[in-house]
Amino acid sequence: MSTQICLRFVIDGIRDTMDHYRDGALPLHRLSWELHSRINTLVPHAPAVWIDQLRDLHRRIAEVHARGEAAASLGEAGASLGGAGALGELERRQLEDSLRRLRAALDHQQR
C-alpha cells in the first residue's frame, strides 16, 4: 500500500472514530485506545513533527479519561467512563478542544 493511500485510510479512520464518539457510539476509553493505535500506525508514513502533534493531542484526551477513571474510583457523584456526559464541565471543554484541534491537524495534513 502506498504511503498516501495508507495515510488517507488511517486519517479517515481517526475521523470516523471521533465521529462515533461524538455520536455516543463509542465510550471515552475506547476513543482513547483507538486514537493511540491509529496514530501509531501513522509513524512510518508521516513526518515526526506531525506525529508528535497528534500524540500530544491524544495525551490530552487520555488525561481526561484518566481523571474520569480517578473520579469514578473515588465514587464522585455522577462519575462514569461512558461518554462526555459523565465528565465535569472543565473536562468536557478540554476534550472538545482536543478533538477540535485533532481534526484541524488531520485536515491540515491532507492539504
PDB file of N, CA and C in Angstrom:
ATOM      1  N   MET A   1       0.857  -1.174   0.000  1.00  0.00           N
ATOM      2  CA  MET A   1       0.000   0.000   0.000  1.00  0.00           C
ATOM      3  C   MET A   1       0.901   1.235   0.000  1.00  0.00           C
ATOM      4  N   SER A   2       0.610   2.182  -0.859  1.00  0.00           N
ATOM      5  CA  SER A   2       1.425   3.388  -0.917  1.00  0.00           C
ATOM      6  C   SER A   2       1.225   4.231   0.335  1.00  0.00           C
ATOM      7  N   THR A   3       2.210   5.091   0.587  1.00  0.00           N
ATOM      8  CA  THR A   3       2.154   5.952   1.763  1.00  0.00           C
ATOM      9  C   THR A   3       0.917   6.840   1.748  1.00  0.00           C
ATOM     10  N   GLN A   4       0.607   7.437   0.613  1.00  0.00           N
ATOM     11  CA  GLN A   4      -0.548   8.344   0.541  1.00  0.00           C
ATOM     12  C   GLN A   4      -1.864   7.608   0.783  1.00  0.00           C
ATOM     13  N   ILE A   5      -1.979   6.405   0.242  1.00  0.00           N
ATOM     14  CA  ILE A   5      -3.203   5.624   0.454  1.00  0.00           C
ATOM     15  C   ILE A   5      -3.317   5.225   1.927  1.00  0.00           C
ATOM     16  N   CYS A   6      -2.205   4.810   2.509  1.00  0.00           N
ATOM     17  CA  CYS A   6      -2.205   4.434   3.926  1.00  0.00           C
ATOM     18  C   CYS A   6      -2.565   5.631   4.798  1.00  0.00           C
ATOM     19  N   LEU A   7      -1.948   6.787   4.521  1.00  0.00           N
ATOM     20  CA  LEU A   7      -2.263   7.997   5.280  1.00  0.00           C
ATOM     21  C   LEU A   7      -3.754   8.298   5.211  1.00  0.00           C
ATOM     22  N   ARG A   8      -4.289   8.267   4.015  1.00  0.00           N
ATOM     23  CA  ARG A   8      -5.715   8.581   3.826  1.00  0.00           C
ATOM     24  C   ARG A   8      -6.603   7.610   4.596  1.00  0.00           C
ATOM     25  N   PHE A   9      -6.270   6.340   4.508  1.00  0.00           N
ATOM     26  CA  PHE A   9      -7.046   5.291   5.177  1.00  0.00           C
ATOM     27  C   PHE A   9      -7.038   5.488   6.698  1.00  0.00           C
ATOM     28  N   VAL A  10      -5.867   5.728   7.280  1.00  0.00           N
ATOM     29  CA  VAL A  10      -5.752   5.877   8.731  1.00  0.00           C
ATOM     30  C   VAL A  10      -6.382   7.192   9.193  1.00  0.00           C
ATOM     31  N   ILE A  11      -6.153   8.266   8.451  1.00  0.00           N
ATOM     32  CA  ILE A  11      -6.751   9.555   8.810  1.00  0.00           C
ATOM     33  C   ILE A  11      -8.280   9.468   8.769  1.00  0.00           C
ATOM     34  N   ASP A  12      -8.818   8.822   7.748  1.00  0.00           N
ATOM     35  CA  ASP A  12     -10.271   8.628   7.686  1.00  0.00           C
ATOM     36  C   ASP A  12     -10.757   7.805   8.878  1.00  0.00           C
ATOM     37  N   GLY A  13      -9.969   6.819   9.286  1.00  0.00           N
ATOM     38  CA  GLY A  13     -10.319   6.005  10.454  1.00  0.00           C
ATOM     39  C   GLY A  13     -10.328   6.823  11.735  1.00  0.00           C
ATOM     40  N   ILE A  14      -9.377   7.738  11.860  1.00  0.00           N
ATOM     41  CA  ILE A  14      -9.341   8.615  13.045  1.00  0.00           C
ATOM     42  C   ILE A  14     -10.578   9.509  13.066  1.00  0.00           C
ATOM     43  N   ARG A  15     -10.907  10.064  11.921  1.00  0.00           N
ATOM     44  CA  ARG A  15     -12.117  10.911  11.838  1.00  0.00           C
ATOM     45  C   ARG A  15     -13.371  10.116  12.191  1.00  0.00           C
ATOM     46  N   ASP A  16     -13.481   8.904  11.635  1.00  0.00           N
ATOM     47  CA  ASP A  16     -14.641   8.060  11.933  1.00  0.00           C
ATOM     48  C   ASP A  16     -14.729   7.745  13.426  1.00  0.00           C
ATOM     49  N   THR A  17     -13.579   7.481  14.040  1.00  0.00           N
ATOM     50  CA  THR A  17     -13.536   7.196  15.470  1.00  0.00           C
ATOM     51  C   THR A  17     -14.049   8.387  16.271  1.00  0.00           C
ATOM     52  N   MET A  18     -13.591   9.580  15.916  1.00  0.00           N
ATOM     53  CA  MET A  18     -14.050  10.780  16.623  1.00  0.00           C
ATOM     54  C   MET A  18     -15.550  10.984  16.412  1.00  0.00           C
ATOM     55  N   ASP A  19     -16.024  10.760  15.196  1.00  0.00           N
ATOM     56  CA  ASP A  19     -17.455  10.906  14.910  1.00  0.00           C
ATOM     57  C   ASP A  19     -18.284   9.905  15.719  1.00  0.00           C
ATOM     58  N   HIS A  20     -17.811   8.668  15.804  1.00  0.00           N
ATOM     59  CA  HIS A  20     -18.533   7.656  16.581  1.00  0.00           C
ATOM     60  C   HIS A  20     -18.589   8.045  18.062  1.00  0.00           C
ATOM     61  N   TYR A  21     -17.503   8.621  18.568  1.00  0.00           N
ATOM     62  CA  TYR A  21     -17.510   9.076  19.957  1.00  0.00           C
ATOM     63  C   TYR A  21     -18.536  10.197  20.134  1.00  0.00           C
ATOM     64  N   ARG A  22     -18.493  11.171  19.247  1.00  0.00           N
ATOM     65  CA  ARG A  22     -19.426  12.306  19.359  1.00  0.00           C
ATOM     66  C   ARG A  22     -20.880  11.877  19.216  1.00  0.00           C
ATOM     67  N   ASP A  23     -21.111  10.809  18.438  1.00  0.00           N
ATOM     68  CA  ASP A  23     -22.473  10.300  18.263  1.00  0.00           C
ATOM     69  C   ASP A  23     -22.925   9.433  19.442  1.00  0.00           C
ATOM     70  N   GLY A  24     -22.027   9.193  20.395  1.00  0.00           N
ATOM     71  CA  GLY A  24     -22.364   8.377  21.550  1.00  0.00           C
ATOM     72  C   GLY A  24     -22.213   6.888  21.321  1.00  0.00           C
ATOM     73  N   ALA A  25     -21.642   6.501  20.193  1.00  0.00           N
ATOM     74  CA  ALA A  25     -21.493   5.083  19.862  1.00  0.00           C
ATOM     75  C   ALA A  25     -20.172   4.487  20.356  1.00  0.00           C
ATOM     76  N   LEU A  26     -19.330   5.310  20.960  1.00  0.00           N
ATOM     77  CA  LEU A  26     -18.011   4.860  21.407  1.00  0.00           C
ATOM     78  C   LEU A  26     -17.712   5.484  22.764  1.00  0.00           C
ATOM     79  N   PRO A  27     -17.382   4.680  23.777  1.00  0.00           N
ATOM     80  CA  PRO A  27     -17.045   5.252  25.082  1.00  0.00           C
ATOM     81  C   PRO A  27     -15.673   5.925  25.052  1.00  0.00           C
ATOM     82  N   LEU A  28     -15.427   6.766  26.022  1.00  0.00           N
ATOM     83  CA  LEU A  28     -14.189   7.543  26.072  1.00  0.00           C
ATOM     84  C   LEU A  28     -12.948   6.660  26.122  1.00  0.00           C
ATOM     85  N   HIS A  29     -12.975   5.579  26.894  1.00  0.00           N
ATOM     86  CA  HIS A  29     -11.788   4.719  26.963  1.00  0.00           C
ATOM     87  C   HIS A  29     -11.474   4.098  25.604  1.00  0.00           C
ATOM     88  N   ARG A  30     -12.504   3.783  24.850  1.00  0.00           N
ATOM     89  CA  ARG A  30     -12.296   3.196  23.523  1.00  0.00           C
ATOM     90  C   ARG A  30     -11.796   4.254  22.538  1.00  0.00           C
ATOM     91  N   LEU A  31     -12.320   5.474  22.637  1.00  0.00           N
ATOM     92  CA  LEU A  31     -11.819   6.579  21.817  1.00  0.00           C
ATOM     93  C   LEU A  31     -10.322   6.744  22.033  1.00  0.00           C
ATOM     94  N   SER A  32      -9.913   6.794  23.286  1.00  0.00           N
ATOM     95  CA  SER A  32      -8.503   6.981  23.618  1.00  0.00           C
ATOM     96  C   SER A  32      -7.652   5.851  23.048  1.00  0.00           C
ATOM     97  N   TRP A  33      -8.101   4.622  23.215  1.00  0.00           N
ATOM     98  CA  TRP A  33      -7.351   3.458  22.713  1.00  0.00           C
ATOM     99  C   TRP A  33      -7.261   3.481  21.183  1.00  0.00           C
ATOM    100  N   GLU A  34      -8.380   3.763  20.532  1.00  0.00           N
ATOM    101  CA  GLU A  34      -8.403   3.805  19.057  1.00  0.00           C
ATOM    102  C   GLU A  34      -7.458   4.882  18.528  1.00  0.00           C
ATOM    103  N   LEU A  35      -7.492   6.067  19.140  1.00  0.00           N
ATOM    104  CA  LEU A  35      -6.606   7.143  18.690  1.00  0.00           C
ATOM    105  C   LEU A  35      -5.153   6.745  18.861  1.00  0.00           C
ATOM    106  N   HIS A  36      -4.822   6.173  20.004  1.00  0.00           N
ATOM    107  CA  HIS A  36      -3.452   5.729  20.261  1.00  0.00           C
ATOM    108  C   HIS A  36      -2.994   4.733  19.190  1.00  0.00           C
ATOM    109  N   SER A  37      -3.819   3.749  18.923  1.00  0.00           N
ATOM    110  CA  SER A  37      -3.472   2.711  17.941  1.00  0.00           C
ATOM    111  C   SER A  37      -3.328   3.270  16.531  1.00  0.00           C
ATOM    112  N   ARG A  38      -4.266   4.103  16.143  1.00  0.00           N
ATOM    113  CA  ARG A  38      -4.235   4.644  14.775  1.00  0.00           C
ATOM    114  C   ARG A  38      -3.076   5.626  14.577  1.00  0.00           C
ATOM    115  N   ILE A  39      -2.794   6.432  15.576  1.00  0.00           N
ATOM    116  CA  ILE A  39      -1.662   7.358  15.466  1.00  0.00           C
ATOM    117  C   ILE A  39      -0.362   6.569  15.343  1.00  0.00           C
ATOM    118  N   ASN A  40      -0.214   5.497  16.112  1.00  0.00           N
ATOM    119  CA  ASN A  40       0.990   4.669  15.999  1.00  0.00           C
ATOM    120  C   ASN A  40       1.123   4.046  14.618  1.00  0.00           C
ATOM    121  N   THR A  41       0.007   3.749  13.977  1.00  0.00           N
ATOM    122  CA  THR A  41       0.030   3.191  12.626  1.00  0.00           C
ATOM    123  C   THR A  41       0.604   4.197  11.626  1.00  0.00           C
ATOM    124  N   LEU A  42       0.440   5.471  11.910  1.00  0.00           N
ATOM    125  CA  LEU A  42       0.926   6.518  11.004  1.00  0.00           C
ATOM    126  C   LEU A  42       2.447   6.720  11.050  1.00  0.00           C
ATOM    127  N   VAL A  43       3.101   6.246  12.104  1.00  0.00           N
ATOM    128  CA  VAL A  43       4.512   6.566  12.341  1.00  0.00           C
ATOM    129  C   VAL A  43       5.408   6.366  11.118  1.00  0.00           C
ATOM    130  N   PRO A  44       5.377   5.225  10.435  1.00  0.00           N
ATOM    131  CA  PRO A  44       6.306   5.083   9.302  1.00  0.00           C
ATOM    132  C   PRO A  44       5.895   5.857   8.042  1.00  0.00           C
ATOM    133  N   HIS A  45       4.723   6.468   8.082  1.00  0.00           N
ATOM    134  CA  HIS A  45       4.184   7.095   6.871  1.00  0.00           C
ATOM    135  C   HIS A  45       4.066   8.615   6.937  1.00  0.00           C
ATOM    136  N   ALA A  46       4.403   9.209   8.076  1.00  0.00           N
ATOM    137  CA  ALA A  46       4.147  10.645   8.243  1.00  0.00           C
ATOM    138  C   ALA A  46       5.332  11.324   8.932  1.00  0.00           C
ATOM    139  N   PRO A  47       5.435  12.638   8.765  1.00  0.00           N
ATOM    140  CA  PRO A  47       6.526  13.389   9.407  1.00  0.00           C
ATOM    141  C   PRO A  47       6.461  13.292  10.933  1.00  0.00           C
ATOM    142  N   ALA A  48       7.621  13.160  11.549  1.00  0.00           N
ATOM    143  CA  ALA A  48       7.719  13.004  13.006  1.00  0.00           C
ATOM    144  C   ALA A  48       7.103  14.188  13.752  1.00  0.00           C
ATOM    145  N   VAL A  49       7.253  15.383  13.222  1.00  0.00           N
ATOM    146  CA  VAL A  49       6.699  16.570  13.884  1.00  0.00           C
ATOM    147  C   VAL A  49       5.178  16.472  13.961  1.00  0.00           C
ATOM    148  N   TRP A  50       4.567  16.021  12.889  1.00  0.00           N
ATOM    149  CA  TRP A  50       3.110  15.877  12.867  1.00  0.00           C
ATOM    150  C   TRP A  50       2.666  14.760  13.811  1.00  0.00           C
ATOM    151  N   ILE A  51       3.394  13.656  13.822  1.00  0.00           N
ATOM    152  CA  ILE A  51       3.079  12.556  14.732  1.00  0.00           C
ATOM    153  C   ILE A  51       3.156  13.044  16.174  1.00  0.00           C
ATOM    154  N   ASP A  52       4.179  13.830  16.485  1.00  0.00           N
ATOM    155  CA  ASP A  52       4.307  14.385  17.845  1.00  0.00           C
ATOM    156  C   ASP A  52       3.103  15.261  18.199  1.00  0.00           C
ATOM    157  N   GLN A  53       2.636  16.040  17.246  1.00  0.00           N
ATOM    158  CA  GLN A  53       1.463  16.887  17.470  1.00  0.00           C
ATOM    159  C   GLN A  53       0.230  16.018  17.761  1.00  0.00           C
ATOM    160  N   LEU A  54       0.038  14.978  16.963  1.00  0.00           N
ATOM    161  CA  LEU A  54      -1.100  14.083  17.175  1.00  0.00           C
ATOM    162  C   LEU A  54      -1.000  13.374  18.522  1.00  0.00           C
ATOM    163  N   ARG A  55       0.214  12.934  18.863  1.00  0.00           N
ATOM    164  CA  ARG A  55       0.401  12.255  20.157  1.00  0.00           C
ATOM    165  C   ARG A  55       0.127  13.190  21.328  1.00  0.00           C
ATOM    166  N   ASP A  56       0.515  14.441  21.189  1.00  0.00           N
ATOM    167  CA  ASP A  56       0.237  15.407  22.248  1.00  0.00           C
ATOM    168  C   ASP A  56      -1.272  15.574  22.429  1.00  0.00           C
ATOM    169  N   LEU A  57      -1.991  15.669  21.326  1.00  0.00           N
ATOM    170  CA  LEU A  57      -3.446  15.802  21.412  1.00  0.00           C
ATOM    171  C   LEU A  57      -4.080  14.544  21.994  1.00  0.00           C
ATOM    172  N   HIS A  58      -3.562  13.392  21.608  1.00  0.00           N
ATOM    173  CA  HIS A  58      -4.060  12.150  22.192  1.00  0.00           C
ATOM    174  C   HIS A  58      -3.790  12.113  23.699  1.00  0.00           C
ATOM    175  N   ARG A  59      -2.615  12.564  24.113  1.00  0.00           N
ATOM    176  CA  ARG A  59      -2.275  12.595  25.539  1.00  0.00           C
ATOM    177  C   ARG A  59      -3.283  13.426  26.331  1.00  0.00           C
ATOM    178  N   ARG A  60      -3.712  14.523  25.750  1.00  0.00           N
ATOM    179  CA  ARG A  60      -4.714  15.360  26.417  1.00  0.00           C
ATOM    180  C   ARG A  60      -6.024  14.591  26.611  1.00  0.00           C
ATOM    181  N   ILE A  61      -6.417  13.862  25.587  1.00  0.00           N
ATOM    182  CA  ILE A  61      -7.649  13.065  25.656  1.00  0.00           C
ATOM    183  C   ILE A  61      -7.485  11.945  26.679  1.00  0.00           C
ATOM    184  N   ALA A  62      -6.322  11.295  26.672  1.00  0.00           N
ATOM    185  CA  ALA A  62      -6.057  10.221  27.636  1.00  0.00           C
ATOM    186  C   ALA A  62      -6.053  10.750  29.073  1.00  0.00           C
ATOM    187  N   GLU A  63      -5.572  11.965  29.264  1.00  0.00           N
ATOM    188  CA  GLU A  63      -5.570  12.562  30.604  1.00  0.00           C
ATOM    189  C   GLU A  63      -6.995  12.829  31.097  1.00  0.00           C
ATOM    190  N   VAL A  64      -7.860  13.291  30.204  1.00  0.00           N
ATOM    191  CA  VAL A  64      -9.267  13.492  30.579  1.00  0.00           C
ATOM    192  C   VAL A  64      -9.859  12.145  30.994  1.00  0.00           C
ATOM    193  N   HIS A  65      -9.567  11.109  30.224  1.00  0.00           N
ATOM    194  CA  HIS A  65     -10.058   9.774  30.556  1.00  0.00           C
ATOM    195  C   HIS A  65      -9.527   9.319  31.913  1.00  0.00           C
ATOM    196  N   ALA A  66      -8.240   9.529  32.156  1.00  0.00           N
ATOM    197  CA  ALA A  66      -7.636   9.113  33.430  1.00  0.00           C
ATOM    198  C   ALA A  66      -8.268   9.857  34.611  1.00  0.00           C
ATOM    199  N   ARG A  67      -8.527  11.148  34.429  1.00  0.00           N
ATOM    200  CA  ARG A  67      -9.182  11.908  35.506  1.00  0.00           C
ATOM    201  C   ARG A  67     -10.593  11.373  35.755  1.00  0.00           C
ATOM    202  N   GLY A  68     -11.274  10.989  34.691  1.00  0.00           N
ATOM    203  CA  GLY A  68     -12.609  10.398  34.843  1.00  0.00           C
ATOM    204  C   GLY A  68     -12.552   9.074  35.583  1.00  0.00           C
ATOM    205  N   GLU A  69     -11.550   8.250  35.284  1.00  0.00           N
ATOM    206  CA  GLU A  69     -11.384   6.979  35.998  1.00  0.00           C
ATOM    207  C   GLU A  69     -11.098   7.218  37.470  1.00  0.00           C
ATOM    208  N   ALA A  70     -10.230   8.195  37.744  1.00  0.00           N
ATOM    209  CA  ALA A  70      -9.892   8.510  39.135  1.00  0.00           C
ATOM    210  C   ALA A  70     -11.129   8.977  39.896  1.00  0.00           C
ATOM    211  N   ALA A  71     -11.922   9.825  39.260  1.00  0.00           N
ATOM    212  CA  ALA A  71     -13.143  10.316  39.900  1.00  0.00           C
ATOM    213  C   ALA A  71     -14.105   9.155  40.150  1.00  0.00           C
ATOM    214  N   ALA A  72     -14.203   8.238  39.192  1.00  0.00           N
ATOM    215  CA  ALA A  72     -15.100   7.093  39.344  1.00  0.00           C
ATOM    216  C   ALA A  72     -14.627   6.183  40.477  1.00  0.00           C
ATOM    217  N   SER A  73     -13.317   6.000  40.591  1.00  0.00           N
ATOM    218  CA  SER A  73     -12.802   5.124  41.647  1.00  0.00           C
ATOM    219  C   SER A  73     -12.972   5.754  43.030  1.00  0.00           C
ATOM    220  N   LEU A  74     -13.029   7.073  43.076  1.00  0.00           N
ATOM    221  CA  LEU A  74     -13.265   7.761  44.347  1.00  0.00           C
ATOM    222  C   LEU A  74     -14.747   7.862  44.671  1.00  0.00           C
ATOM    223  N   GLY A  75     -15.571   7.431  43.714  1.00  0.00           N
ATOM    224  CA  GLY A  75     -17.011   7.422  43.949  1.00  0.00           C
ATOM    225  C   GLY A  75     -17.670   8.777  43.867  1.00  0.00           C
ATOM    226  N   GLU A  76     -17.094   9.689  43.083  1.00  0.00           N
ATOM    227  CA  GLU A  76     -17.708  11.003  42.942  1.00  0.00           C
ATOM    228  C   GLU A  76     -19.067  10.861  42.279  1.00  0.00           C
ATOM    229  N   ALA A  77     -19.989  11.665  42.705  1.00  0.00           N
ATOM    230  CA  ALA A  77     -21.362  11.610  42.193  1.00  0.00           C
ATOM    231  C   ALA A  77     -21.371  11.811  40.690  1.00  0.00           C
ATOM    232  N   GLY A  78     -22.020  10.880  39.998  1.00  0.00           N
ATOM    233  CA  GLY A  78     -22.181  11.001  38.559  1.00  0.00           C
ATOM    234  C   GLY A  78     -20.960  10.609  37.769  1.00  0.00           C
ATOM    235  N   ALA A  79     -19.903  10.170  38.409  1.00  0.00           N
ATOM    236  CA  ALA A  79     -18.688   9.812  37.688  1.00  0.00           C
ATOM    237  C   ALA A  79     -18.875   8.470  37.003  1.00  0.00           C
ATOM    238  N   SER A  80     -18.574   8.453  35.739  1.00  0.00           N
ATOM    239  CA  SER A  80     -18.675   7.249  34.925  1.00  0.00           C
ATOM    240  C   SER A  80     -17.747   7.426  33.743  1.00  0.00           C
ATOM    241  N   LEU A  81     -17.386   6.327  33.107  1.00  0.00           N
ATOM    242  CA  LEU A  81     -16.460   6.426  31.983  1.00  0.00           C
ATOM    243  C   LEU A  81     -17.152   6.289  30.643  1.00  0.00           C
ATOM    244  N   GLY A  82     -18.457   6.326  30.623  1.00  0.00           N
ATOM    245  CA  GLY A  82     -19.181   6.108  29.385  1.00  0.00           C
ATOM    246  C   GLY A  82     -18.918   7.144  28.323  1.00  0.00           C
ATOM    247  N   GLY A  83     -19.354   8.347  28.510  1.00  0.00           N
ATOM    248  CA  GLY A  83     -19.216   9.367  27.480  1.00  0.00           C
ATOM    249  C   GLY A  83     -18.979  10.716  28.100  1.00  0.00           C
ATOM    250  N   ALA A  84     -19.053  11.736  27.270  1.00  0.00           N
ATOM    251  CA  ALA A  84     -18.762  13.093  27.728  1.00  0.00           C
ATOM    252  C   ALA A  84     -19.768  13.567  28.774  1.00  0.00           C
ATOM    253  N   GLY A  85     -20.977  12.995  28.784  1.00  0.00           N
ATOM    254  CA  GLY A  85     -21.974  13.401  29.753  1.00  0.00           C
ATOM    255  C   GLY A  85     -21.563  13.129  31.188  1.00  0.00           C
ATOM    256  N   ALA A  86     -20.632  12.199  31.364  1.00  0.00           N
ATOM    257  CA  ALA A  86     -20.178  11.839  32.708  1.00  0.00           C
ATOM    258  C   ALA A  86     -19.033  12.723  33.176  1.00  0.00           C
ATOM    259  N   LEU A  87     -18.508  13.560  32.321  1.00  0.00           N
ATOM    260  CA  LEU A  87     -17.374  14.406  32.648  1.00  0.00           C
ATOM    261  C   LEU A  87     -17.841  15.726  33.236  1.00  0.00           C
ATOM    262  N   GLY A  88     -16.954  16.348  34.014  1.00  0.00           N
ATOM    263  CA  GLY A  88     -17.227  17.689  34.507  1.00  0.00           C
ATOM    264  C   GLY A  88     -17.108  18.693  33.376  1.00  0.00           C
ATOM    265  N   GLU A  89     -17.538  19.898  33.635  1.00  0.00           N
ATOM    266  CA  GLU A  89     -17.517  20.941  32.605  1.00  0.00           C
ATOM    267  C   GLU A  89     -16.103  21.200  32.081  1.00  0.00           C
ATOM    268  N   LEU A  90     -15.124  21.292  32.962  1.00  0.00           N
ATOM    269  CA  LEU A  90     -13.742  21.536  32.540  1.00  0.00           C
ATOM    270  C   LEU A  90     -13.234  20.406  31.664  1.00  0.00           C
ATOM    271  N   GLU A  91     -13.490  19.169  32.064  1.00  0.00           N
ATOM    272  CA  GLU A  91     -13.051  18.022  31.274  1.00  0.00           C
ATOM    273  C   GLU A  91     -13.732  17.986  29.910  1.00  0.00           C
ATOM    274  N   ARG A  92     -15.031  18.291  29.900  1.00  0.00           N
ATOM    275  CA  ARG A  92     -15.768  18.312  28.619  1.00  0.00           C
ATOM    276  C   ARG A  92     -15.166  19.342  27.672  1.00  0.00           C
ATOM    277  N   ARG A  93     -14.847  20.531  28.215  1.00  0.00           N
ATOM    278  CA  ARG A  93     -14.246  21.577  27.370  1.00  0.00           C
ATOM    279  C   ARG A  93     -12.874  21.158  26.869  1.00  0.00           C
ATOM    280  N   GLN A  94     -12.064  20.572  27.753  1.00  0.00           N
ATOM    281  CA  GLN A  94     -10.725  20.122  27.347  1.00  0.00           C
ATOM    282  C   GLN A  94     -10.812  19.035  26.280  1.00  0.00           C
ATOM    283  N   LEU A  95     -11.747  18.122  26.458  1.00  0.00           N
ATOM    284  CA  LEU A  95     -11.928  17.051  25.489  1.00  0.00           C
ATOM    285  C   LEU A  95     -12.381  17.611  24.142  1.00  0.00           C
ATOM    286  N   GLU A  96     -13.360  18.474  24.150  1.00  0.00           N
ATOM    287  CA  GLU A  96     -13.855  19.062  22.900  1.00  0.00           C
ATOM    288  C   GLU A  96     -12.758  19.876  22.197  1.00  0.00           C
ATOM    289  N   ASP A  97     -11.988  20.622  22.971  1.00  0.00           N
ATOM    290  CA  ASP A  97     -10.891  21.397  22.397  1.00  0.00           C
ATOM    291  C   ASP A  97      -9.855  20.466  21.762  1.00  0.00           C
ATOM    292  N   SER A  98      -9.523  19.392  22.434  1.00  0.00           N
ATOM    293  CA  SER A  98      -8.544  18.441  21.899  1.00  0.00           C
ATOM    294  C   SER A  98      -9.065  17.773  20.629  1.00  0.00           C
ATOM    295  N   LEU A  99     -10.335  17.401  20.623  1.00  0.00           N
ATOM    296  CA  LEU A  99     -10.914  16.784  19.426  1.00  0.00           C
ATOM    297  C   LEU A  99     -10.960  17.771  18.262  1.00  0.00           C
ATOM    298  N   ARG A 100     -11.293  19.024  18.563  1.00  0.00           N
ATOM    299  CA  ARG A 100     -11.318  20.051  17.508  1.00  0.00           C
ATOM    300  C   ARG A 100      -9.915  20.251  16.932  1.00  0.00           C
ATOM    301  N   ARG A 101      -8.919  20.332  17.809  1.00  0.00           N
ATOM    302  CA  ARG A 101      -7.537  20.521  17.348  1.00  0.00           C
ATOM    303  C   ARG A 101      -7.033  19.300  16.575  1.00  0.00           C
ATOM    304  N   LEU A 102      -7.431  18.129  17.016  1.00  0.00           N
ATOM    305  CA  LEU A 102      -7.027  16.911  16.315  1.00  0.00           C
ATOM    306  C   LEU A 102      -7.603  16.894  14.902  1.00  0.00           C
ATOM    307  N   ARG A 103      -8.877  17.240  14.789  1.00  0.00           N
ATOM    308  CA  ARG A 103      -9.490  17.281  13.458  1.00  0.00           C
ATOM    309  C   ARG A 103      -8.792  18.325  12.567  1.00  0.00           C
ATOM    310  N   ALA A 104      -8.471  19.475  13.137  1.00  0.00           N
ATOM    311  CA  ALA A 104      -7.772  20.514  12.372  1.00  0.00           C
ATOM    312  C   ALA A 104      -6.383  20.036  11.928  1.00  0.00           C
ATOM    313  N   ALA A 105      -5.682  19.316  12.785  1.00  0.00           N
ATOM    314  CA  ALA A 105      -4.365  18.785  12.422  1.00  0.00           C
ATOM    315  C   ALA A 105      -4.476  17.753  11.302  1.00  0.00           C
ATOM    316  N   LEU A 106      -5.520  16.948  11.342  1.00  0.00           N
ATOM    317  CA  LEU A 106      -5.733  15.982  10.265  1.00  0.00           C
ATOM    318  C   LEU A 106      -6.070  16.675   8.953  1.00  0.00           C
ATOM    319  N   ASP A 107      -6.940  17.686   9.027  1.00  0.00           N
ATOM    320  CA  ASP A 107      -7.318  18.435   7.826  1.00  0.00           C
ATOM    321  C   ASP A 107      -6.114  19.144   7.219  1.00  0.00           C
ATOM    322  N   HIS A 108      -5.283  19.714   8.055  1.00  0.00           N
ATOM    323  CA  HIS A 108      -4.100  20.446   7.583  1.00  0.00           C
ATOM    324  C   HIS A 108      -3.121  19.496   6.869  1.00  0.00           C
ATOM    325  N   GLN A 109      -2.955  18.297   7.399  1.00  0.00           N
ATOM    326  CA  GLN A 109      -2.013  17.337   6.808  1.00  0.00           C
ATOM    327  C   GLN A 109      -2.464  16.896   5.430  1.00  0.00           C
ATOM    328  N   GLN A 110      -3.755  16.824   5.199  1.00  0.00           N
ATOM    329  CA  GLN A 110      -4.255  16.311   3.917  1.00  0.00           C
ATOM    330  C   GLN A 110      -4.293  17.374   2.824  1.00  0.00           C
ATOM    331  N   ARG A 111      -3.935  18.591   3.126  1.00  0.00           N
ATOM    332  CA  ARG A 111      -3.937  19.642   2.096  1.00  0.00           C
ATOM    333  C   ARG A 111      -2.763  19.517   1.187  1.00  0.00           C
TER     334      ARG A 111
END
